[in-house]
Structures are given as structure tokens and as C-alpha cells.
Amino acid sequence: MMTATIAGMGWVTPLGRDLESVWRAVCRSEPADVSQLENPISKRSTPVLRVPEDIVRDAATLPRLRRSSLISHFAVAAASDAALSAGMTTEKLSRTALIFAASDGGVIY
């Protein structure tokens, strides 16, 4: 029988990117910043909780990702943080599977 172990986790949220700041904001019931997303045709507006782009700026500077979408930057940032929190070395990473899941309300990628 094979076993799997969660060695590290990383995430990107509208409240932050690291466990301590996100947990602190949740415990204090601090809301994320709400902005409006407007449909250019119907002019209908929907409130959204955006992830501040500056919290994934380090992923955006990678040459292979500089023209990628924000969701790709979020994924790479979360994966990097997960590897870091697991204490992964380059050698360990070469032998490790990384599982990525993203969710946005009812949408799962």
C-alpha cells in the first residue's frame, strides 16, 4: 500500500499569501478589499475580492512566466511557498510530486 504525506502548503488569497497574516486577518474578521468588475457590454457590475498583484510579483519576474496569466502567477507562488514550507531542497524536489488545486467559488481548475 502506498501512502501520501502533505509536507508543505502554500496559497494565495485576497487576504494574503502566508499562513500567519491570513490567519490573523480571519481571526480579526478583517474583510478583503472589494472592487467592482463591470461588464463592458451590459454595464452590469459585480463585486470581486481581488488578490493584490504585488503579493505574487516574485513569480511574475520569472522569465518563463512574464507573459503568463495571473492564475499562473498564483499557482507558481503557492507551489514555491509549499516547497519552502516543506523544507524541500533541489534534490528532493526532483523526486517529489506536486499536487495543485485552485478554487474560485464553484469553479475548480
PDB file of N, CA and C in Angstrom:
ATOM      1  N   MET A   1       0.834  -1.180   0.000  1.00  0.00           N
ATOM      2  CA  MET A   1       0.000   0.000   0.000  1.00  0.00           C
ATOM      3  C   MET A   1       0.884   1.252   0.000  1.00  0.00           C
ATOM      4  N   MET A   2       0.531   2.208  -0.859  1.00  0.00           N
ATOM      5  CA  MET A   2       1.266   3.478  -0.905  1.00  0.00           C
ATOM      6  C   MET A   2       0.631   4.477   0.044  1.00  0.00           C
ATOM      7  N   THR A   3       1.452   5.332   0.583  1.00  0.00           N
ATOM      8  CA  THR A   3       0.936   6.401   1.421  1.00  0.00           C
ATOM      9  C   THR A   3       1.383   7.733   0.836  1.00  0.00           C
ATOM     10  N   ALA A   4       0.628   8.738   1.144  1.00  0.00           N
ATOM     11  CA  ALA A   4       0.972  10.095   0.714  1.00  0.00           C
ATOM     12  C   ALA A   4       1.066  10.964   1.961  1.00  0.00           C
ATOM     13  N   THR A   5       1.941  11.922   1.911  1.00  0.00           N
ATOM     14  CA  THR A   5       2.132  12.831   3.032  1.00  0.00           C
ATOM     15  C   THR A   5       2.079  14.264   2.530  1.00  0.00           C
ATOM     16  N   ILE A   6       1.385  15.096   3.261  1.00  0.00           N
ATOM     17  CA  ILE A   6       1.404  16.528   2.949  1.00  0.00           C
ATOM     18  C   ILE A   6       2.601  17.101   3.683  1.00  0.00           C
ATOM     19  N   ALA A   7       3.583  17.532   2.925  1.00  0.00           N
ATOM     20  CA  ALA A   7       4.831  18.020   3.524  1.00  0.00           C
ATOM     21  C   ALA A   7       4.835  19.533   3.670  1.00  0.00           C
ATOM     22  N   GLY A   8       4.099  20.227   2.826  1.00  0.00           N
ATOM     23  CA  GLY A   8       4.076  21.684   2.877  1.00  0.00           C
ATOM     24  C   GLY A   8       2.863  22.204   2.138  1.00  0.00           C
ATOM     25  N   MET A   9       2.462  23.412   2.460  1.00  0.00           N
ATOM     26  CA  MET A   9       1.311  24.023   1.796  1.00  0.00           C
ATOM     27  C   MET A   9       1.633  25.473   1.446  1.00  0.00           C
ATOM     28  N   GLY A  10       0.997  25.945   0.420  1.00  0.00           N
ATOM     29  CA  GLY A  10       1.122  27.339   0.023  1.00  0.00           C
ATOM     30  C   GLY A  10      -0.181  27.769  -0.614  1.00  0.00           C
ATOM     31  N   TRP A  11      -0.507  29.037  -0.487  1.00  0.00           N
ATOM     32  CA  TRP A  11      -1.726  29.542  -1.081  1.00  0.00           C
ATOM     33  C   TRP A  11      -1.602  31.028  -1.340  1.00  0.00           C
ATOM     34  N   VAL A  12      -2.503  31.500  -2.188  1.00  0.00           N
ATOM     35  CA  VAL A  12      -2.580  32.921  -2.498  1.00  0.00           C
ATOM     36  C   VAL A  12      -4.050  33.290  -2.336  1.00  0.00           C
ATOM     37  N   THR A  13      -4.341  34.254  -1.470  1.00  0.00           N
ATOM     38  CA  THR A  13      -5.719  34.655  -1.202  1.00  0.00           C
ATOM     39  C   THR A  13      -5.823  36.184  -1.227  1.00  0.00           C
ATOM     40  N   PRO A  14      -7.039  36.708  -1.293  1.00  0.00           N
ATOM     41  CA  PRO A  14      -7.196  38.160  -1.205  1.00  0.00           C
ATOM     42  C   PRO A  14      -6.724  38.732   0.133  1.00  0.00           C
ATOM     43  N   LEU A  15      -6.611  37.890   1.165  1.00  0.00           N
ATOM     44  CA  LEU A  15      -6.152  38.354   2.477  1.00  0.00           C
ATOM     45  C   LEU A  15      -4.642  38.263   2.649  1.00  0.00           C
ATOM     46  N   GLY A  16      -3.963  37.590   1.752  1.00  0.00           N
ATOM     47  CA  GLY A  16      -2.517  37.456   1.863  1.00  0.00           C
ATOM     48  C   GLY A  16      -2.033  36.137   1.318  1.00  0.00           C
ATOM     49  N   ARG A  17      -0.759  35.874   1.574  1.00  0.00           N
ATOM     50  CA  ARG A  17      -0.123  34.704   0.993  1.00  0.00           C
ATOM     51  C   ARG A  17       0.492  33.778   2.037  1.00  0.00           C
ATOM     52  N   ASP A  18       0.745  34.281   3.227  1.00  0.00           N
ATOM     53  CA  ASP A  18       1.359  33.418   4.234  1.00  0.00           C
ATOM     54  C   ASP A  18       0.353  33.104   5.340  1.00  0.00           C
ATOM     55  N   LEU A  19       0.543  31.971   5.989  1.00  0.00           N
ATOM     56  CA  LEU A  19      -0.394  31.480   6.985  1.00  0.00           C
ATOM     57  C   LEU A  19      -0.640  32.482   8.111  1.00  0.00           C
ATOM     58  N   GLU A  20       0.416  33.066   8.637  1.00  0.00           N
ATOM     59  CA  GLU A  20       0.266  33.947   9.791  1.00  0.00           C
ATOM     60  C   GLU A  20      -0.607  35.164   9.491  1.00  0.00           C
ATOM     61  N   SER A  21      -0.332  35.854   8.385  1.00  0.00           N
ATOM     62  CA  SER A  21      -1.103  37.067   8.093  1.00  0.00           C
ATOM     63  C   SER A  21      -2.545  36.734   7.710  1.00  0.00           C
ATOM     64  N   VAL A  22      -2.749  35.652   6.974  1.00  0.00           N
ATOM     65  CA  VAL A  22      -4.110  35.269   6.589  1.00  0.00           C
ATOM     66  C   VAL A  22      -4.896  34.851   7.826  1.00  0.00           C
ATOM     67  N   TRP A  23      -4.294  34.023   8.686  1.00  0.00           N
ATOM     68  CA  TRP A  23      -4.982  33.565   9.887  1.00  0.00           C
ATOM     69  C   TRP A  23      -5.306  34.735  10.810  1.00  0.00           C
ATOM     70  N   ARG A  24      -4.381  35.675  10.940  1.00  0.00           N
ATOM     71  CA  ARG A  24      -4.602  36.856  11.761  1.00  0.00           C
ATOM     72  C   ARG A  24      -5.792  37.663  11.223  1.00  0.00           C
ATOM     73  N   ALA A  25      -5.852  37.841   9.912  1.00  0.00           N
ATOM     74  CA  ALA A  25      -6.959  38.586   9.300  1.00  0.00           C
ATOM     75  C   ALA A  25      -8.288  37.863   9.498  1.00  0.00           C
ATOM     76  N   VAL A  26      -8.284  36.541   9.373  1.00  0.00           N
ATOM     77  CA  VAL A  26      -9.501  35.756   9.581  1.00  0.00           C
ATOM     78  C   VAL A  26      -9.966  35.871  11.035  1.00  0.00           C
ATOM     79  N   CYS A  27      -9.041  35.724  11.971  1.00  0.00           N
ATOM     80  CA  CYS A  27      -9.388  35.812  13.403  1.00  0.00           C
ATOM     81  C   CYS A  27      -9.925  37.186  13.781  1.00  0.00           C
ATOM     82  N   ARG A  28      -9.446  38.213  13.132  1.00  0.00           N
ATOM     83  CA  ARG A  28      -9.907  39.582  13.413  1.00  0.00           C
ATOM     84  C   ARG A  28     -11.126  39.966  12.577  1.00  0.00           C
ATOM     85  N   SER A  29     -11.609  39.033  11.770  1.00  0.00           N
ATOM     86  CA  SER A  29     -12.744  39.280  10.865  1.00  0.00           C
ATOM     87  C   SER A  29     -12.476  40.449   9.929  1.00  0.00           C
ATOM     88  N   GLU A  30     -11.226  40.592   9.520  1.00  0.00           N
ATOM     89  CA  GLU A  30     -10.871  41.664   8.583  1.00  0.00           C
ATOM     90  C   GLU A  30     -11.333  41.279   7.181  1.00  0.00           C
ATOM     91  N   PRO A  31     -12.129  42.122   6.558  1.00  0.00           N
ATOM     92  CA  PRO A  31     -12.586  41.793   5.202  1.00  0.00           C
ATOM     93  C   PRO A  31     -11.500  42.075   4.164  1.00  0.00           C
ATOM     94  N   ALA A  32     -11.553  41.340   3.092  1.00  0.00           N
ATOM     95  CA  ALA A  32     -10.668  41.625   1.966  1.00  0.00           C
ATOM     96  C   ALA A  32     -11.214  42.840   1.231  1.00  0.00           C
ATOM     97  N   ASP A  33     -10.360  43.526   0.487  1.00  0.00           N
ATOM     98  CA  ASP A  33     -10.803  44.681  -0.288  1.00  0.00           C
ATOM     99  C   ASP A  33     -11.742  44.225  -1.398  1.00  0.00           C
ATOM    100  N   VAL A  34     -12.856  44.914  -1.507  1.00  0.00           N
ATOM    101  CA  VAL A  34     -13.851  44.602  -2.533  1.00  0.00           C
ATOM    102  C   VAL A  34     -13.748  45.651  -3.626  1.00  0.00           C
ATOM    103  N   SER A  35     -13.692  45.177  -4.873  1.00  0.00           N
ATOM    104  CA  SER A  35     -13.747  46.097  -6.006  1.00  0.00           C
ATOM    105  C   SER A  35     -14.865  45.631  -6.933  1.00  0.00           C
ATOM    106  N   GLN A  36     -15.175  46.437  -7.915  1.00  0.00           N
ATOM    107  CA  GLN A  36     -16.259  46.111  -8.836  1.00  0.00           C
ATOM    108  C   GLN A  36     -15.697  45.698 -10.187  1.00  0.00           C
ATOM    109  N   LEU A  37     -16.254  44.653 -10.754  1.00  0.00           N
ATOM    110  CA  LEU A  37     -15.893  44.191 -12.086  1.00  0.00           C
ATOM    111  C   LEU A  37     -17.093  44.469 -12.978  1.00  0.00           C
ATOM    112  N   GLU A  38     -16.886  45.318 -13.981  1.00  0.00           N
ATOM    113  CA  GLU A  38     -18.002  45.736 -14.827  1.00  0.00           C
ATOM    114  C   GLU A  38     -17.952  45.054 -16.181  1.00  0.00           C
ATOM    115  N   ASN A  39     -19.098  44.583 -16.623  1.00  0.00           N
ATOM    116  CA  ASN A  39     -19.237  44.025 -17.959  1.00  0.00           C
ATOM    117  C   ASN A  39     -19.287  45.200 -18.928  1.00  0.00           C
ATOM    118  N   PRO A  40     -18.350  45.274 -19.888  1.00  0.00           N
ATOM    119  CA  PRO A  40     -18.311  46.440 -20.785  1.00  0.00           C
ATOM    120  C   PRO A  40     -19.526  46.547 -21.711  1.00  0.00           C
ATOM    121  N   ILE A  41     -20.230  45.446 -21.930  1.00  0.00           N
ATOM    122  CA  ILE A  41     -21.388  45.481 -22.832  1.00  0.00           C
ATOM    123  C   ILE A  41     -22.661  45.827 -22.072  1.00  0.00           C
ATOM    124  N   SER A  42     -22.951  45.057 -21.027  1.00  0.00           N
ATOM    125  CA  SER A  42     -24.197  45.281 -20.286  1.00  0.00           C
ATOM    126  C   SER A  42     -24.068  46.357 -19.218  1.00  0.00           C
ATOM    127  N   LYS A  43     -22.829  46.719 -18.876  1.00  0.00           N
ATOM    128  CA  LYS A  43     -22.537  47.694 -17.819  1.00  0.00           C
ATOM    129  C   LYS A  43     -22.960  47.193 -16.425  1.00  0.00           C
ATOM    130  N   ARG A  44     -23.292  45.905 -16.326  1.00  0.00           N
ATOM    131  CA  ARG A  44     -23.596  45.341 -15.007  1.00  0.00           C
ATOM    132  C   ARG A  44     -22.301  45.192 -14.225  1.00  0.00           C
ATOM    133  N   SER A  45     -22.403  45.399 -12.936  1.00  0.00           N
ATOM    134  CA  SER A  45     -21.234  45.381 -12.076  1.00  0.00           C
ATOM    135  C   SER A  45     -21.374  44.268 -11.042  1.00  0.00           C
ATOM    136  N   THR A  46     -20.258  43.594 -10.765  1.00  0.00           N
ATOM    137  CA  THR A  46     -20.227  42.501  -9.793  1.00  0.00           C
ATOM    138  C   THR A  46     -19.096  42.754  -8.810  1.00  0.00           C
ATOM    139  N   PRO A  47     -19.360  42.591  -7.508  1.00  0.00           N
ATOM    140  CA  PRO A  47     -18.273  42.761  -6.540  1.00  0.00           C
ATOM    141  C   PRO A  47     -17.303  41.581  -6.599  1.00  0.00           C
ATOM    142  N   VAL A  48     -16.020  41.868  -6.517  1.00  0.00           N
ATOM    143  CA  VAL A  48     -14.993  40.825  -6.545  1.00  0.00           C
ATOM    144  C   VAL A  48     -13.961  41.076  -5.439  1.00  0.00           C
ATOM    145  N   LEU A  49     -13.379  40.005  -4.960  1.00  0.00           N
ATOM    146  CA  LEU A  49     -12.285  40.067  -3.986  1.00  0.00           C
ATOM    147  C   LEU A  49     -11.013  39.744  -4.749  1.00  0.00           C
ATOM    148  N   ARG A  50     -10.286  40.751  -5.125  1.00  0.00           N
ATOM    149  CA  ARG A  50      -9.086  40.562  -5.933  1.00  0.00           C
ATOM    150  C   ARG A  50      -7.878  40.255  -5.055  1.00  0.00           C
ATOM    151  N   VAL A  51      -6.994  39.436  -5.590  1.00  0.00           N
ATOM    152  CA  VAL A  51      -5.708  39.190  -4.940  1.00  0.00           C
ATOM    153  C   VAL A  51      -4.783  40.320  -5.370  1.00  0.00           C
ATOM    154  N   PRO A  52      -4.186  41.025  -4.415  1.00  0.00           N
ATOM    155  CA  PRO A  52      -3.256  42.098  -4.795  1.00  0.00           C
ATOM    156  C   PRO A  52      -2.101  41.542  -5.630  1.00  0.00           C
ATOM    157  N   GLU A  53      -1.879  42.127  -6.800  1.00  0.00           N
ATOM    158  CA  GLU A  53      -0.850  41.622  -7.715  1.00  0.00           C
ATOM    159  C   GLU A  53       0.549  41.655  -7.111  1.00  0.00           C
ATOM    160  N   ASP A  54       0.798  42.591  -6.203  1.00  0.00           N
ATOM    161  CA  ASP A  54       2.147  42.702  -5.649  1.00  0.00           C
ATOM    162  C   ASP A  54       2.539  41.516  -4.776  1.00  0.00           C
ATOM    163  N   ILE A  55       1.568  40.735  -4.286  1.00  0.00           N
ATOM    164  CA  ILE A  55       1.957  39.600  -3.443  1.00  0.00           C
ATOM    165  C   ILE A  55       2.464  38.408  -4.252  1.00  0.00           C
ATOM    166  N   VAL A  56       2.332  38.464  -5.576  1.00  0.00           N
ATOM    167  CA  VAL A  56       2.881  37.400  -6.423  1.00  0.00           C
ATOM    168  C   VAL A  56       3.905  37.960  -7.407  1.00  0.00           C
ATOM    169  N   ARG A  57       4.407  39.152  -7.112  1.00  0.00           N
ATOM    170  CA  ARG A  57       5.358  39.795  -8.014  1.00  0.00           C
ATOM    171  C   ARG A  57       6.599  38.931  -8.231  1.00  0.00           C
ATOM    172  N   ASP A  58       7.028  38.184  -7.212  1.00  0.00           N
ATOM    173  CA  ASP A  58       8.214  37.336  -7.361  1.00  0.00           C
ATOM    174  C   ASP A  58       8.003  36.262  -8.427  1.00  0.00           C
ATOM    175  N   ALA A  59       6.801  35.709  -8.531  1.00  0.00           N
ATOM    176  CA  ALA A  59       6.523  34.708  -9.563  1.00  0.00           C
ATOM    177  C   ALA A  59       6.461  35.351 -10.941  1.00  0.00           C
ATOM    178  N   ALA A  60       5.968  36.572 -11.004  1.00  0.00           N
ATOM    179  CA  ALA A  60       5.827  37.267 -12.289  1.00  0.00           C
ATOM    180  C   ALA A  60       7.170  37.629 -12.906  1.00  0.00           C
ATOM    181  N   THR A  61       8.228  37.676 -12.107  1.00  0.00           N
ATOM    182  CA  THR A  61       9.540  38.048 -12.640  1.00  0.00           C
ATOM    183  C   THR A  61      10.287  36.875 -13.254  1.00  0.00           C
ATOM    184  N   LEU A  62       9.777  35.660 -13.065  1.00  0.00           N
ATOM    185  CA  LEU A  62      10.439  34.502 -13.669  1.00  0.00           C
ATOM    186  C   LEU A  62      10.324  34.593 -15.191  1.00  0.00           C
ATOM    187  N   PRO A  63      11.433  34.418 -15.911  1.00  0.00           N
ATOM    188  CA  PRO A  63      11.405  34.604 -17.372  1.00  0.00           C
ATOM    189  C   PRO A  63      10.330  33.787 -18.088  1.00  0.00           C
ATOM    190  N   ARG A  64      10.087  32.560 -17.661  1.00  0.00           N
ATOM    191  CA  ARG A  64       9.101  31.724 -18.347  1.00  0.00           C
ATOM    192  C   ARG A  64       7.668  32.141 -18.046  1.00  0.00           C
ATOM    193  N   LEU A  65       7.474  32.997 -17.057  1.00  0.00           N
ATOM    194  CA  LEU A  65       6.125  33.390 -16.662  1.00  0.00           C
ATOM    195  C   LEU A  65       5.797  34.852 -16.916  1.00  0.00           C
ATOM    196  N   ARG A  66       6.708  35.605 -17.457  1.00  0.00           N
ATOM    197  CA  ARG A  66       6.484  37.047 -17.533  1.00  0.00           C
ATOM    198  C   ARG A  66       5.269  37.438 -18.371  1.00  0.00           C
ATOM    199  N   ARG A  67       4.843  36.607 -19.313  1.00  0.00           N
ATOM    200  CA  ARG A  67       3.647  36.912 -20.101  1.00  0.00           C
ATOM    201  C   ARG A  67       2.482  35.991 -19.760  1.00  0.00           C
ATOM    202  N   SER A  68       2.594  35.268 -18.662  1.00  0.00           N
ATOM    203  CA  SER A  68       1.536  34.350 -18.250  1.00  0.00           C
ATOM    204  C   SER A  68       0.414  35.089 -17.529  1.00  0.00           C
ATOM    205  N   SER A  69      -0.687  34.413 -17.392  1.00  0.00           N
ATOM    206  CA  SER A  69      -1.844  34.989 -16.702  1.00  0.00           C
ATOM    207  C   SER A  69      -1.607  35.047 -15.196  1.00  0.00           C
ATOM    208  N   LEU A  70      -2.430  35.825 -14.526  1.00  0.00           N
ATOM    209  CA  LEU A  70      -2.309  35.933 -13.068  1.00  0.00           C
ATOM    210  C   LEU A  70      -2.543  34.595 -12.376  1.00  0.00           C
ATOM    211  N   ILE A  71      -3.463  33.776 -12.874  1.00  0.00           N
ATOM    212  CA  ILE A  71      -3.713  32.474 -12.236  1.00  0.00           C
ATOM    213  C   ILE A  71      -2.444  31.625 -12.265  1.00  0.00           C
ATOM    214  N   SER A  72      -1.638  31.752 -13.318  1.00  0.00           N
ATOM    215  CA  SER A  72      -0.361  31.043 -13.375  1.00  0.00           C
ATOM    216  C   SER A  72       0.607  31.586 -12.337  1.00  0.00           C
ATOM    217  N   HIS A  73       0.620  32.896 -12.152  1.00  0.00           N
ATOM    218  CA  HIS A  73       1.476  33.501 -11.129  1.00  0.00           C
ATOM    219  C   HIS A  73       1.050  33.038  -9.739  1.00  0.00           C
ATOM    220  N   PHE A  74      -0.272  32.963  -9.514  1.00  0.00           N
ATOM    221  CA  PHE A  74      -0.775  32.483  -8.220  1.00  0.00           C
ATOM    222  C   PHE A  74      -0.320  31.037  -7.983  1.00  0.00           C
ATOM    223  N   ALA A  75      -0.437  30.213  -9.014  1.00  0.00           N
ATOM    224  CA  ALA A  75      -0.076  28.794  -8.879  1.00  0.00           C
ATOM    225  C   ALA A  75       1.404  28.627  -8.569  1.00  0.00           C
ATOM    226  N   VAL A  76       2.252  29.329  -9.278  1.00  0.00           N
ATOM    227  CA  VAL A  76       3.696  29.213  -9.060  1.00  0.00           C
ATOM    228  C   VAL A  76       4.073  29.748  -7.682  1.00  0.00           C
ATOM    229  N   ALA A  77       3.464  30.853  -7.271  1.00  0.00           N
ATOM    230  CA  ALA A  77       3.748  31.411  -5.943  1.00  0.00           C
ATOM    231  C   ALA A  77       3.346  30.424  -4.855  1.00  0.00           C
ATOM    232  N   ALA A  78       2.159  29.835  -4.969  1.00  0.00           N
ATOM    233  CA  ALA A  78       1.698  28.866  -3.965  1.00  0.00           C
ATOM    234  C   ALA A  78       2.578  27.619  -3.959  1.00  0.00           C
ATOM    235  N   ALA A  79       2.961  27.143  -5.134  1.00  0.00           N
ATOM    236  CA  ALA A  79       3.828  25.962  -5.213  1.00  0.00           C
ATOM    237  C   ALA A  79       5.200  26.247  -4.611  1.00  0.00           C
ATOM    238  N   SER A  80       5.733  27.422  -4.885  1.00  0.00           N
ATOM    239  CA  SER A  80       7.035  27.796  -4.309  1.00  0.00           C
ATOM    240  C   SER A  80       6.959  27.861  -2.791  1.00  0.00           C
ATOM    241  N   ASP A  81       5.880  28.460  -2.284  1.00  0.00           N
ATOM    242  CA  ASP A  81       5.710  28.551  -0.838  1.00  0.00           C
ATOM    243  C   ASP A  81       5.528  27.173  -0.209  1.00  0.00           C
ATOM    244  N   ALA A  82       4.810  26.287  -0.889  1.00  0.00           N
ATOM    245  CA  ALA A  82       4.617  24.931  -0.372  1.00  0.00           C
ATOM    246  C   ALA A  82       5.951  24.194  -0.296  1.00  0.00           C
ATOM    247  N   ALA A  83       6.755  24.319  -1.322  1.00  0.00           N
ATOM    248  CA  ALA A  83       8.076  23.666  -1.323  1.00  0.00           C
ATOM    249  C   ALA A  83       8.960  24.240  -0.226  1.00  0.00           C
ATOM    250  N   LEU A  84       8.905  25.544  -0.047  1.00  0.00           N
ATOM    251  CA  LEU A  84       9.689  26.192   1.005  1.00  0.00           C
ATOM    252  C   LEU A  84       9.233  25.754   2.401  1.00  0.00           C
ATOM    253  N   SER A  85       7.911  25.694   2.614  1.00  0.00           N
ATOM    254  CA  SER A  85       7.405  25.298   3.935  1.00  0.00           C
ATOM    255  C   SER A  85       7.692  23.834   4.244  1.00  0.00           C
ATOM    256  N   ALA A  86       7.901  23.041   3.208  1.00  0.00           N
ATOM    257  CA  ALA A  86       8.231  21.630   3.394  1.00  0.00           C
ATOM    258  C   ALA A  86       9.729  21.414   3.560  1.00  0.00           C
ATOM    259  N   GLY A  87      10.510  22.486   3.416  1.00  0.00           N
ATOM    260  CA  GLY A  87      11.961  22.352   3.545  1.00  0.00           C
ATOM    261  C   GLY A  87      12.586  21.583   2.394  1.00  0.00           C
ATOM    262  N   MET A  88      12.010  21.745   1.219  1.00  0.00           N
ATOM    263  CA  MET A  88      12.483  20.989   0.058  1.00  0.00           C
ATOM    264  C   MET A  88      13.784  21.562  -0.496  1.00  0.00           C
ATOM    265  N   THR A  89      14.696  20.674  -0.801  1.00  0.00           N
ATOM    266  CA  THR A  89      15.925  21.050  -1.492  1.00  0.00           C
ATOM    267  C   THR A  89      15.724  20.771  -2.977  1.00  0.00           C
ATOM    268  N   THR A  90      16.624  21.246  -3.801  1.00  0.00           N
ATOM    269  CA  THR A  90      16.529  20.989  -5.241  1.00  0.00           C
ATOM    270  C   THR A  90      16.531  19.490  -5.513  1.00  0.00           C
ATOM    271  N   GLU A  91      17.357  18.749  -4.784  1.00  0.00           N
ATOM    272  CA  GLU A  91      17.436  17.297  -4.975  1.00  0.00           C
ATOM    273  C   GLU A  91      16.128  16.614  -4.567  1.00  0.00           C
ATOM    274  N   LYS A  92      15.547  17.023  -3.444  1.00  0.00           N
ATOM    275  CA  LYS A  92      14.276  16.444  -3.006  1.00  0.00           C
ATOM    276  C   LYS A  92      13.153  16.783  -3.983  1.00  0.00           C
ATOM    277  N   LEU A  93      13.154  18.030  -4.485  1.00  0.00           N
ATOM    278  CA  LEU A  93      12.110  18.434  -5.425  1.00  0.00           C
ATOM    279  C   LEU A  93      12.137  17.609  -6.707  1.00  0.00           C
ATOM    280  N   SER A  94      13.317  17.163  -7.105  1.00  0.00           N
ATOM    281  CA  SER A  94      13.417  16.367  -8.336  1.00  0.00           C
ATOM    282  C   SER A  94      12.759  14.994  -8.178  1.00  0.00           C
ATOM    283  N   ARG A  95      12.494  14.581  -6.930  1.00  0.00           N
ATOM    284  CA  ARG A  95      11.869  13.283  -6.676  1.00  0.00           C
ATOM    285  C   ARG A  95      10.481  13.404  -6.045  1.00  0.00           C
ATOM    286  N   THR A  96       9.876  14.594  -6.138  1.00  0.00           N
ATOM    287  CA  THR A  96       8.629  14.850  -5.431  1.00  0.00           C
ATOM    288  C   THR A  96       7.516  15.242  -6.394  1.00  0.00           C
ATOM    289  N   ALA A  97       6.332  14.695  -6.140  1.00  0.00           N
ATOM    290  CA  ALA A  97       5.157  15.094  -6.912  1.00  0.00           C
ATOM    291  C   ALA A  97       4.535  16.308  -6.242  1.00  0.00           C
ATOM    292  N   LEU A  98       4.096  17.237  -7.041  1.00  0.00           N
ATOM    293  CA  LEU A  98       3.437  18.426  -6.524  1.00  0.00           C
ATOM    294  C   LEU A  98       1.997  18.393  -7.012  1.00  0.00           C
ATOM    295  N   ILE A  99       1.058  18.461  -6.091  1.00  0.00           N
ATOM    296  CA  ILE A  99      -0.354  18.471  -6.444  1.00  0.00           C
ATOM    297  C   ILE A  99      -0.866  19.888  -6.294  1.00  0.00           C
ATOM    298  N   PHE A 100      -1.503  20.389  -7.332  1.00  0.00           N
ATOM    299  CA  PHE A 100      -2.013  21.753  -7.321  1.00  0.00           C
ATOM    300  C   PHE A 100      -3.525  21.736  -7.516  1.00  0.00           C
ATOM    301  N   ALA A 101      -4.233  22.481  -6.699  1.00  0.00           N
ATOM    302  CA  ALA A 101      -5.671  22.649  -6.855  1.00  0.00           C
ATOM    303  C   ALA A 101      -6.000  24.116  -6.660  1.00  0.00           C
ATOM    304  N   ALA A 102      -6.900  24.623  -7.459  1.00  0.00           N
ATOM    305  CA  ALA A 102      -7.319  26.018  -7.317  1.00  0.00           C
ATOM    306  C   ALA A 102      -8.836  26.054  -7.313  1.00  0.00           C
ATOM    307  N   SER A 103      -9.368  26.965  -6.562  1.00  0.00           N
ATOM    308  CA  SER A 103     -10.819  27.085  -6.474  1.00  0.00           C
ATOM    309  C   SER A 103     -11.208  28.556  -6.462  1.00  0.00           C
ATOM    310  N   ASP A 104     -12.262  28.871  -7.125  1.00  0.00           N
ATOM    311  CA  ASP A 104     -12.814  30.223  -7.131  1.00  0.00           C
ATOM    312  C   ASP A 104     -14.331  30.059  -7.040  1.00  0.00           C
ATOM    313  N   GLY A 105     -14.831  30.056  -5.819  1.00  0.00           N
ATOM    314  CA  GLY A 105     -16.265  29.818  -5.647  1.00  0.00           C
ATOM    315  C   GLY A 105     -16.602  28.409  -6.110  1.00  0.00           C
ATOM    316  N   GLY A 106     -17.501  28.297  -7.040  1.00  0.00           N
ATOM    317  CA  GLY A 106     -17.893  26.984  -7.562  1.00  0.00           C
ATOM    318  C   GLY A 106     -17.026  26.500  -8.701  1.00  0.00           C
ATOM    319  N   VAL A 107     -16.027  27.294  -9.104  1.00  0.00           N
ATOM    320  CA  VAL A 107     -15.156  26.920 -10.211  1.00  0.00           C
ATOM    321  C   VAL A 107     -13.898  26.260  -9.667  1.00  0.00           C
ATOM    322  N   ILE A 108     -13.626  25.055 -10.110  1.00  0.00           N
ATOM    323  CA  ILE A 108     -12.416  24.351  -9.674  1.00  0.00           C
ATOM    324  C   ILE A 108     -11.585  24.044 -10.914  1.00  0.00           C
ATOM    325  N   TYR A 109     -10.311  24.430 -10.872  1.00  0.00           N
ATOM    326  CA  TYR A 109      -9.424  24.227 -12.013  1.00  0.00           C
ATOM    327  C   TYR A 109      -8.672  22.932 -11.849  1.00  0.00           C
TER     328      TYR A 109
END
